[in-house]
Amino acid sequence: MNQFFNLLVLIVGGGISLIALFTVLKLLLPAPVDRARLNLEINIGRSLLLGVVNFLFFGALSMVFFWLAQLVGGVIAAIFIFLGGLIGVALILLTLLGLVALADLLGHRMGSGSTPLTTHLRGGLLLVLAGLAPFIGWFVFTPLALWTGLGATIQAFFRRKVSDPASAQAAD
């Protein structure tokens, strides 16, 4: 019974903490979150595909660095561990920012609340609760949401800005 209570506290506390983290990131970094949300609105399939490809590539690259660190020793191993860890942390941070954008998108699609903060909180709660659904939420929804968020954030940060052809012609 004690283990069940501990697990329940972990799930509830983790969910509340994750929603709070989503909200703090939305308040601190509104421009990157809005760019990632725009990418999700425009083409969610492209974001998913880009997220899967980058997750597989950079995840494998990080694992190769850790494997190379086991083969060599000393300072070279420390450099490989640092590079592998740096890639892993970058993937986690980009994915987290994409999840914030996904929570924001869900909150806006649910309908506008009294404030933008409540809209974002509702989207974050919906995202966390959907991820907690047994089996489908754990093994299907959560990976798809993570990969989609990663792809949307990568598009937001690393995509070239394309000027609007209509505004370019009007300037001439």
Protein backbone atom coordinates (compact mmCIF):
# COMPACT_ATOMS: atom_id res chain seq x y z
CA MET A 1 0.00 0.00 0.00
CA ASN A 2 2.88 2.35 0.78
CA GLN A 3 4.34 1.86 -2.72
CA PHE A 4 0.98 2.67 -4.31
CA PHE A 5 0.75 5.91 -2.33
CA ASN A 6 4.31 6.85 -3.31
CA LEU A 7 3.56 6.18 -6.96
CA LEU A 8 0.37 8.22 -6.78
CA VAL A 9 2.19 11.17 -5.20
CA LEU A 10 4.92 10.91 -7.85
CA ILE A 11 2.43 10.94 -10.72
CA VAL A 12 0.29 13.78 -9.35
CA GLY A 13 3.27 15.86 -8.23
CA GLY A 14 5.11 15.24 -11.49
CA GLY A 15 2.07 16.24 -13.52
CA ILE A 16 1.59 19.45 -11.56
CA SER A 17 5.30 20.25 -11.82
CA LEU A 18 5.29 19.63 -15.57
CA ILE A 19 2.30 21.94 -16.08
CA ALA A 20 4.04 24.59 -13.98
CA LEU A 21 7.21 24.18 -16.07
CA PHE A 22 5.17 24.55 -19.28
CA THR A 23 3.65 27.76 -17.94
CA VAL A 24 6.96 29.23 -16.78
CA LEU A 25 8.59 28.53 -20.14
CA LYS A 26 5.64 30.10 -21.98
CA LEU A 27 5.93 33.22 -19.83
CA LEU A 28 9.73 33.46 -20.10
CA LEU A 29 10.14 32.56 -23.78
CA PRO A 30 6.97 33.70 -25.57
CA ALA A 31 8.53 34.34 -29.01
CA PRO A 32 10.13 30.88 -29.54
CA VAL A 33 7.01 29.17 -28.21
CA ASP A 34 4.80 31.16 -30.58
CA ARG A 35 7.05 30.32 -33.56
CA ALA A 36 6.94 26.62 -32.69
CA ARG A 37 3.16 26.81 -32.21
CA LEU A 38 2.83 28.42 -35.64
CA ASN A 39 4.79 25.50 -37.14
CA LEU A 40 2.40 23.09 -35.43
CA GLU A 41 -0.62 24.95 -36.79
CA ILE A 42 0.73 25.09 -40.33
CA ASN A 43 1.90 21.49 -40.76
CA ILE A 44 1.85 19.09 -37.84
CA GLY A 45 2.82 16.13 -40.02
CA ARG A 46 6.05 17.79 -41.14
CA SER A 47 6.88 18.55 -37.51
CA LEU A 48 6.33 14.91 -36.57
CA LEU A 49 8.49 13.60 -39.40
CA LEU A 50 11.25 16.12 -38.70
CA GLY A 51 11.14 15.24 -35.00
CA VAL A 52 11.42 11.49 -35.61
CA VAL A 53 14.32 11.87 -38.02
CA ASN A 54 16.24 14.23 -35.74
CA PHE A 55 15.54 12.14 -32.65
CA LEU A 56 16.86 9.02 -34.33
CA PHE A 57 19.93 10.72 -35.81
CA PHE A 58 21.01 12.77 -32.80
CA GLY A 59 20.05 10.03 -30.35
CA ALA A 60 22.22 7.56 -32.25
CA LEU A 61 25.03 10.12 -32.46
CA SER A 62 24.88 10.65 -28.71
CA MET A 63 24.99 6.89 -28.10
CA VAL A 64 28.01 6.59 -30.42
CA PHE A 65 29.83 9.20 -28.37
CA PHE A 66 29.07 7.30 -25.16
CA TRP A 67 30.18 4.03 -26.77
CA LEU A 68 33.44 5.62 -27.95
CA ALA A 69 34.02 6.92 -24.42
CA GLN A 70 33.93 3.33 -23.15
CA LEU A 71 36.52 2.24 -25.70
CA VAL A 72 39.07 4.95 -24.93
CA GLY A 73 40.17 6.34 -21.62
CA GLY A 74 41.35 9.52 -20.01
CA VAL A 75 40.71 12.96 -21.38
CA ILE A 76 39.40 11.69 -24.73
CA ALA A 77 36.68 9.71 -22.94
CA ALA A 78 35.68 12.82 -21.00
CA ILE A 79 35.38 14.77 -24.25
CA PHE A 80 33.19 12.07 -25.81
CA ILE A 81 30.98 11.95 -22.70
CA PHE A 82 30.67 15.73 -22.75
CA LEU A 83 29.68 15.75 -26.44
CA GLY A 84 27.17 12.92 -25.98
CA GLY A 85 25.67 14.62 -22.95
CA LEU A 86 25.52 17.97 -24.72
CA ILE A 87 23.57 16.45 -27.61
CA GLY A 88 21.22 14.71 -25.17
CA VAL A 89 20.56 17.89 -23.19
CA ALA A 90 19.94 19.85 -26.41
CA LEU A 91 17.37 17.25 -27.53
CA ILE A 92 15.63 17.41 -24.17
CA LEU A 93 15.47 21.22 -24.12
CA LEU A 94 14.22 21.47 -27.69
CA THR A 95 11.60 18.82 -27.00
CA LEU A 96 10.46 20.59 -23.83
CA LEU A 97 10.02 23.85 -25.71
CA GLY A 98 8.02 22.00 -28.36
CA LEU A 99 5.78 20.50 -25.68
CA VAL A 100 5.11 23.99 -24.35
CA ALA A 101 4.06 25.04 -27.86
CA LEU A 102 1.85 21.94 -28.15
CA ALA A 103 0.21 22.71 -24.80
CA ASP A 104 -0.37 26.29 -25.95
CA LEU A 105 -1.92 25.08 -29.20
CA LEU A 106 -4.22 22.67 -27.35
CA GLY A 107 -5.27 25.40 -24.93
CA HIS A 108 -6.19 27.76 -27.77
CA ARG A 109 -8.09 25.06 -29.63
CA MET A 110 -10.10 24.27 -26.51
CA GLY A 111 -11.44 27.81 -26.55
CA SER A 112 -10.27 31.05 -25.10
CA GLY A 113 -10.27 31.32 -21.35
CA SER A 114 -10.55 34.42 -19.22
CA THR A 115 -6.79 35.00 -19.54
CA PRO A 116 -4.03 33.62 -21.78
CA LEU A 117 -2.54 31.98 -18.68
CA THR A 118 -5.66 29.91 -18.00
CA THR A 119 -5.81 28.93 -21.66
CA HIS A 120 -2.23 27.68 -21.48
CA LEU A 121 -2.83 25.91 -18.16
CA ARG A 122 -5.82 24.04 -19.62
CA GLY A 123 -3.75 22.96 -22.62
CA GLY A 124 -0.93 21.77 -20.38
CA LEU A 125 -3.34 19.83 -18.19
CA LEU A 126 -4.89 18.19 -21.23
CA LEU A 127 -1.47 17.24 -22.59
CA VAL A 128 -0.34 15.72 -19.29
CA LEU A 129 -3.60 13.82 -18.74
CA ALA A 130 -3.53 12.43 -22.28
CA GLY A 131 0.01 11.19 -21.70
CA LEU A 132 -1.09 9.43 -18.50
CA ALA A 133 -3.75 7.34 -20.25
CA PRO A 134 -2.81 3.67 -19.85
CA PHE A 135 -0.98 2.03 -22.75
CA ILE A 136 -2.22 4.30 -25.59
CA GLY A 137 -1.09 7.43 -23.77
CA TRP A 138 2.17 5.89 -22.58
CA PHE A 139 3.31 4.12 -25.73
CA VAL A 140 1.58 5.98 -28.59
CA PHE A 141 0.53 9.50 -27.61
CA THR A 142 3.56 10.48 -25.53
CA PRO A 143 6.23 9.55 -28.11
CA LEU A 144 4.20 11.18 -30.90
CA ALA A 145 3.78 14.36 -28.86
CA LEU A 146 7.49 14.43 -27.97
CA TRP A 147 8.61 13.94 -31.57
CA THR A 148 6.11 16.49 -32.88
CA GLY A 149 7.25 19.06 -30.34
CA LEU A 150 10.89 18.43 -31.21
CA GLY A 151 10.22 18.86 -34.92
CA ALA A 152 8.23 22.07 -34.41
CA THR A 153 10.99 23.59 -32.29
CA ILE A 154 13.70 22.61 -34.76
CA GLN A 155 11.69 24.27 -37.52
CA ALA A 156 11.21 27.37 -35.39
CA PHE A 157 14.91 27.79 -34.61
CA PHE A 158 16.72 26.48 -37.66
CA ARG A 159 14.42 27.22 -40.58
CA ARG A 160 15.31 30.11 -42.85
CA LYS A 161 12.88 32.96 -42.86
CA VAL A 162 11.17 33.17 -46.23
CA SER A 163 10.00 36.60 -47.25
CA ASP A 164 6.47 37.02 -48.49
CA PRO A 165 6.50 37.33 -52.30
CA ALA A 166 3.49 39.67 -52.26
CA SER A 167 5.17 42.13 -49.90
CA ALA A 168 8.40 41.97 -51.94
CA GLN A 169 6.51 42.87 -55.13
CA ALA A 170 4.65 45.71 -53.40
CA ALA A 171 7.97 47.19 -52.27
CA ASP A 172 9.22 47.32 -55.89
